[in-house]
N, C-alpha and C. Protein backbone atom coordinates (compact mmCIF):
# COMPACT_ATOMS: atom_id res chain seq x y z
N MET A 1 0.86 -1.33 0.14
CA MET A 1 -0.25 0.26 0.28
C MET A 1 0.85 1.16 -0.13
N ALA A 2 0.89 2.02 -0.98
CA ALA A 2 1.58 3.33 -1.16
C ALA A 2 1.01 4.15 -0.28
N LEU A 3 1.90 5.26 0.16
CA LEU A 3 1.27 6.46 0.71
C LEU A 3 0.18 7.27 0.18
N PRO A 4 0.05 7.58 -1.26
CA PRO A 4 -0.88 8.19 -1.96
C PRO A 4 -2.39 7.54 -1.38
N GLU A 5 -2.10 5.99 -1.57
CA GLU A 5 -3.61 5.27 -1.38
C GLU A 5 -4.07 5.66 0.02
N VAL A 6 -3.08 5.47 1.11
CA VAL A 6 -3.55 5.94 2.39
C VAL A 6 -4.17 7.20 2.56
N PHE A 7 -3.63 8.27 1.94
CA PHE A 7 -4.34 9.64 1.84
C PHE A 7 -5.64 9.77 1.17
N ASP A 8 -5.86 8.88 0.13
CA ASP A 8 -7.11 8.61 -0.65
C ASP A 8 -8.07 8.20 0.30
N ARG A 9 -7.93 7.34 1.12
CA ARG A 9 -8.98 6.79 2.21
C ARG A 9 -9.47 7.92 3.31
N VAL A 10 -8.33 8.94 3.47
CA VAL A 10 -9.02 9.97 4.43
C VAL A 10 -10.03 11.08 3.57
N PRO A 11 -11.24 11.41 4.38
CA PRO A 11 -12.05 12.22 3.66
C PRO A 11 -11.40 13.59 3.27
N ARG A 12 -11.64 13.97 2.04
CA ARG A 12 -11.42 15.29 1.39
C ARG A 12 -11.39 16.32 2.50
N PHE A 13 -12.51 16.64 3.13
CA PHE A 13 -12.55 17.93 4.39
C PHE A 13 -11.48 17.86 5.23
N LEU A 14 -11.18 16.36 5.87
CA LEU A 14 -9.90 16.41 6.67
C LEU A 14 -8.69 16.77 6.31
N ARG A 15 -8.38 16.51 5.01
CA ARG A 15 -7.26 17.01 3.87
C ARG A 15 -7.34 18.47 3.93
N SER A 16 -8.02 19.18 4.24
CA SER A 16 -8.11 20.54 3.84
C SER A 16 -7.23 21.31 4.44
N PHE A 17 -6.70 22.36 4.01
CA PHE A 17 -5.64 23.20 4.34
C PHE A 17 -6.33 24.24 5.60
N TYR A 18 -7.84 24.50 5.54
CA TYR A 18 -8.29 25.21 6.45
C TYR A 18 -8.47 24.21 7.80
N PHE A 19 -9.00 22.80 7.68
CA PHE A 19 -9.07 22.10 8.65
C PHE A 19 -7.77 21.84 9.37
N LEU A 20 -6.87 21.61 8.44
CA LEU A 20 -5.52 21.36 9.13
C LEU A 20 -5.05 22.41 9.92
N THR A 21 -5.11 23.47 9.45
CA THR A 21 -4.74 24.78 9.93
C THR A 21 -5.46 25.10 11.32
N GLY A 22 -6.83 24.90 11.18
CA GLY A 22 -7.76 25.19 12.55
C GLY A 22 -7.34 24.01 13.62
N MET A 23 -7.20 22.76 13.07
CA MET A 23 -6.85 21.54 14.11
C MET A 23 -5.64 21.79 14.79
N THR A 24 -4.47 22.47 14.05
CA THR A 24 -3.23 22.83 14.55
C THR A 24 -3.21 23.77 15.37
N PHE A 25 -3.93 24.81 15.17
CA PHE A 25 -4.15 26.03 16.02
C PHE A 25 -5.15 25.56 17.24
N LEU A 26 -5.91 24.65 17.37
CA LEU A 26 -6.37 24.17 18.64
C LEU A 26 -5.61 23.41 19.46
N VAL A 27 -4.71 22.43 18.69
CA VAL A 27 -4.06 21.53 19.51
C VAL A 27 -2.91 22.63 20.13
N TRP A 28 -2.45 23.53 19.66
CA TRP A 28 -1.42 24.40 20.00
C TRP A 28 -1.88 25.05 21.34
N MET A 29 -3.17 25.98 21.03
CA MET A 29 -3.88 26.55 22.06
C MET A 29 -4.14 25.70 23.28
N THR A 30 -4.67 24.48 22.95
CA THR A 30 -4.76 23.58 24.57
C THR A 30 -3.56 23.04 24.88
N LEU A 31 -2.58 22.77 24.27
CA LEU A 31 -1.72 22.29 24.81
C LEU A 31 -0.46 23.16 25.09
N PHE A 32 -0.06 23.66 24.06
CA PHE A 32 1.33 24.61 24.11
C PHE A 32 1.27 25.92 24.67
N ASP A 33 0.42 26.53 24.50
CA ASP A 33 0.21 28.16 24.68
C ASP A 33 0.54 28.28 26.31
N ALA A 34 1.13 29.79 26.33
CA ALA A 34 1.27 30.01 27.85
C ALA A 34 0.08 30.07 28.49
N ASN A 35 -1.21 30.13 28.03
CA ASN A 35 -2.46 30.07 28.73
C ASN A 35 -3.19 28.92 28.33
N ASP A 36 -2.72 27.53 28.41
CA ASP A 36 -3.34 26.31 28.23
C ASP A 36 -4.27 26.13 29.22
N LEU A 37 -4.99 24.90 28.82
CA LEU A 37 -6.27 24.35 29.70
C LEU A 37 -5.39 24.33 31.06
N LEU A 38 -4.42 23.83 31.41
CA LEU A 38 -4.11 23.70 32.78
C LEU A 38 -3.81 24.86 33.36
N LYS A 39 -3.18 25.99 32.71
CA LYS A 39 -2.96 27.27 33.36
C LYS A 39 -4.46 28.05 33.57
N GLN A 40 -5.53 27.81 32.67
CA GLN A 40 -6.60 28.52 32.54
C GLN A 40 -7.24 27.58 34.12
N TYR A 41 -7.06 26.54 34.29
CA TYR A 41 -7.75 25.62 35.34
C TYR A 41 -7.26 26.13 36.83
N GLU A 42 -5.76 26.32 36.57
CA GLU A 42 -5.10 27.03 37.89
C GLU A 42 -5.54 28.32 38.37
N MET A 43 -5.58 29.25 37.38
CA MET A 43 -6.16 30.57 37.43
C MET A 43 -7.58 30.65 37.89
N TYR A 44 -8.43 29.83 37.37
CA TYR A 44 -9.76 29.54 38.00
C TYR A 44 -9.85 29.09 39.26
N ASP A 45 -9.18 28.40 39.67
CA ASP A 45 -9.21 27.80 41.07
C ASP A 45 -8.44 28.86 42.01
N LYS A 46 -7.57 29.43 41.77
CA LYS A 46 -7.21 30.75 42.59
C LYS A 46 -8.22 31.92 42.59
N TRP A 47 -8.66 32.14 41.34
CA TRP A 47 -9.93 33.28 41.56
C TRP A 47 -11.08 32.66 42.70
N ARG A 48 -11.40 31.46 42.34
CA ARG A 48 -12.30 30.94 43.64
C ARG A 48 -11.96 30.91 44.79
N GLU A 49 -10.77 30.65 45.02
CA GLU A 49 -10.06 30.85 46.57
C GLU A 49 -10.04 32.33 46.91
N LEU A 50 -9.43 33.22 46.02
CA LEU A 50 -9.86 34.75 46.42
C LEU A 50 -10.91 35.12 46.40
N GLN A 51 -12.17 34.80 45.91
CA GLN A 51 -13.52 34.87 45.98
C GLN A 51 -13.99 34.51 47.42
N VAL A 52 -13.45 33.50 47.86
CA VAL A 52 -13.95 33.03 49.29
C VAL A 52 -13.20 33.84 50.21
N GLN A 53 -11.77 34.35 49.91
CA GLN A 53 -11.33 35.40 50.81
C GLN A 53 -11.98 36.56 51.08
N LYS A 54 -12.42 36.96 49.77
CA LYS A 54 -13.15 38.47 49.85
C LYS A 54 -14.35 38.19 50.50
N GLU A 55 -15.14 37.19 50.70
CA GLU A 55 -16.38 37.07 51.23
C GLU A 55 -15.74 37.34 52.77
N TYR A 56 -14.80 36.56 53.38
CA TYR A 56 -14.45 36.42 54.59
C TYR A 56 -14.21 37.82 54.94
N TYR A 57 -13.32 38.53 54.38
CA TYR A 57 -12.88 39.66 54.76
C TYR A 57 -14.06 40.89 54.82
N THR A 58 -14.96 40.83 53.83
CA THR A 58 -15.93 41.54 53.73
C THR A 58 -16.77 41.15 55.07
N GLY A 59 -17.10 40.07 55.62
CA GLY A 59 -17.84 39.84 56.57
C GLY A 59 -17.15 40.51 57.79
N LYS A 60 -15.65 40.42 57.81
CA LYS A 60 -15.02 41.02 59.02
C LYS A 60 -15.06 42.71 59.10
N ILE A 61 -15.17 43.00 57.81
CA ILE A 61 -14.91 44.67 58.04
C ILE A 61 -16.25 45.05 58.40
N ALA A 62 -17.61 44.15 57.98
CA ALA A 62 -18.77 44.73 58.54
C ALA A 62 -18.85 44.40 60.18
N GLU A 63 -18.21 43.39 60.57
CA GLU A 63 -18.26 43.20 62.05
C GLU A 63 -17.48 44.43 62.73
N VAL A 64 -16.40 44.73 62.05
CA VAL A 64 -15.75 45.65 62.92
C VAL A 64 -16.35 47.27 62.52
N LYS A 65 -17.12 47.26 61.76
CA LYS A 65 -17.60 48.60 61.69
C LYS A 65 -18.98 48.67 62.56
N LYS A 66 -19.35 47.58 62.97
CA LYS A 66 -20.48 47.53 63.99
C LYS A 66 -19.95 47.51 64.94
N ASP A 67 -18.89 46.81 65.42
CA ASP A 67 -18.21 47.06 66.69
C ASP A 67 -17.82 48.55 67.21
N ARG A 68 -17.26 49.27 65.88
CA ARG A 68 -16.81 50.51 66.46
C ARG A 68 -18.02 51.61 66.41
N ALA A 69 -19.10 51.11 65.74
CA ALA A 69 -20.24 52.10 65.86
C ALA A 69 -20.73 51.88 67.55
N GLU A 70 -20.79 50.89 67.89
CA GLU A 70 -20.96 50.38 69.41
C GLU A 70 -20.36 51.27 70.39
N LEU A 71 -18.98 50.99 69.97
CA LEU A 71 -17.82 51.80 70.94
C LEU A 71 -18.02 53.14 70.93
N LEU A 72 -18.29 53.96 69.86
CA LEU A 72 -18.62 55.16 69.63
C LEU A 72 -19.70 55.97 70.09
N SER A 73 -20.74 54.92 70.35
CA SER A 73 -22.08 55.57 70.75
C SER A 73 -22.24 55.48 72.33
N SER A 74 -21.58 54.39 72.95
CA SER A 74 -21.74 54.25 74.42
C SER A 74 -20.23 54.67 75.14
N PRO A 75 -20.31 55.58 76.19
CA PRO A 75 -19.13 55.73 76.79
C PRO A 75 -18.74 54.57 77.85
N GLU A 76 -19.63 54.02 78.08
CA GLU A 76 -19.51 52.61 79.08
C GLU A 76 -18.68 51.43 78.03
N MET A 77 -19.12 51.34 77.04
CA MET A 77 -18.60 50.32 76.17
C MET A 77 -17.24 50.88 75.80
N LEU A 78 -16.84 51.92 75.68
CA LEU A 78 -15.52 52.55 74.92
C LEU A 78 -14.76 52.08 76.42
N GLU A 79 -15.13 52.50 77.66
CA GLU A 79 -14.39 52.26 78.67
C GLU A 79 -14.16 50.76 78.90
N LYS A 80 -15.10 49.90 78.80
CA LYS A 80 -14.98 48.44 78.93
C LYS A 80 -14.00 47.79 78.00
N PHE A 81 -14.27 48.43 76.79
CA PHE A 81 -13.15 48.19 75.63
C PHE A 81 -11.76 48.57 75.82
N ALA A 82 -11.43 49.83 76.56
CA ALA A 82 -10.08 49.87 76.85
C ALA A 82 -9.66 49.20 77.79
N ARG A 83 -10.45 49.16 78.96
CA ARG A 83 -10.00 48.06 80.25
C ARG A 83 -9.52 46.78 79.77
N GLU A 84 -10.36 46.06 79.04
CA GLU A 84 -10.10 44.75 78.59
C GLU A 84 -9.09 44.79 77.32
N LYS A 85 -9.10 45.41 76.54
CA LYS A 85 -8.08 45.28 75.67
C LYS A 85 -6.74 45.94 75.81
N TYR A 86 -6.49 46.94 76.31
CA TYR A 86 -5.44 47.85 76.47
C TYR A 86 -4.93 47.90 77.83
N VAL A 87 -5.46 47.10 78.91
CA VAL A 87 -5.41 47.16 80.43
C VAL A 87 -5.20 48.43 80.83
N MET A 88 -6.06 49.60 80.57
CA MET A 88 -5.99 50.78 81.04
C MET A 88 -6.91 51.01 82.37
N LYS A 89 -6.37 51.94 83.22
CA LYS A 89 -6.96 51.92 84.48
C LYS A 89 -7.21 53.45 84.87
N ARG A 90 -7.98 54.00 85.71
CA ARG A 90 -8.32 55.08 85.86
C ARG A 90 -7.16 55.46 87.18
N PRO A 91 -6.98 56.80 87.22
CA PRO A 91 -5.88 57.18 88.21
C PRO A 91 -6.19 56.78 89.71
N GLY A 92 -5.09 56.35 90.25
CA GLY A 92 -5.31 55.60 91.43
C GLY A 92 -5.95 54.32 91.90
N GLU A 93 -6.31 53.94 90.74
CA GLU A 93 -6.69 52.64 90.62
C GLU A 93 -5.86 51.49 90.17
N ASP A 94 -5.78 50.32 91.10
CA ASP A 94 -5.05 49.12 90.82
C ASP A 94 -5.77 48.13 90.09
N VAL A 95 -4.94 47.52 89.06
CA VAL A 95 -5.48 46.69 87.98
C VAL A 95 -4.69 45.44 88.11
N PHE A 96 -5.34 44.28 88.48
CA PHE A 96 -4.61 42.80 88.38
C PHE A 96 -5.03 41.92 87.46
N VAL A 97 -4.29 41.65 86.49
CA VAL A 97 -4.51 40.71 85.24
C VAL A 97 -4.31 39.30 85.82
N LEU A 98 -5.20 38.48 85.73
CA LEU A 98 -5.47 36.93 86.11
C LEU A 98 -5.07 36.37 84.83
N VAL A 99 -4.14 35.41 84.96
CA VAL A 99 -3.75 34.73 83.95
C VAL A 99 -4.12 33.16 84.39
N PRO A 100 -5.08 32.19 83.55
CA PRO A 100 -5.20 30.89 83.89
C PRO A 100 -4.17 30.12 83.76
N GLN A 101 -3.66 29.27 84.52
CA GLN A 101 -2.64 28.45 84.44
C GLN A 101 -2.80 27.18 83.72
N GLU A 102 -1.93 26.79 82.90
CA GLU A 102 -2.18 25.65 82.00
C GLU A 102 -2.10 24.49 82.53
N GLU A 103 -2.51 23.47 82.39
CA GLU A 103 -2.71 22.15 82.94
C GLU A 103 -1.55 21.48 82.13
N GLU A 104 -0.77 20.53 82.70
CA GLU A 104 0.51 19.75 82.12
C GLU A 104 0.08 18.62 81.79
């Protein structure tokens, strides 16, 4: 069987210049390009991870804004926050910080 006979068995549209060029282009883009399918999947996976982080930080920002509004609206809350977080005290007042012992 000679080589031309093998080519005769292949349908004519598969031997077309445009079909071969298109298939070469598709193979190149899916396997060898800088943005091949594997890279596209990795970027999509990273994008989903960043979306989750964005939702987390958006929730945290809302929580901090709510806490800030509470602190600024009430002097009692502001004093409580300052005493607990920064161990502040009034003049002439002694503050004792109790740290629980760790069990071994």
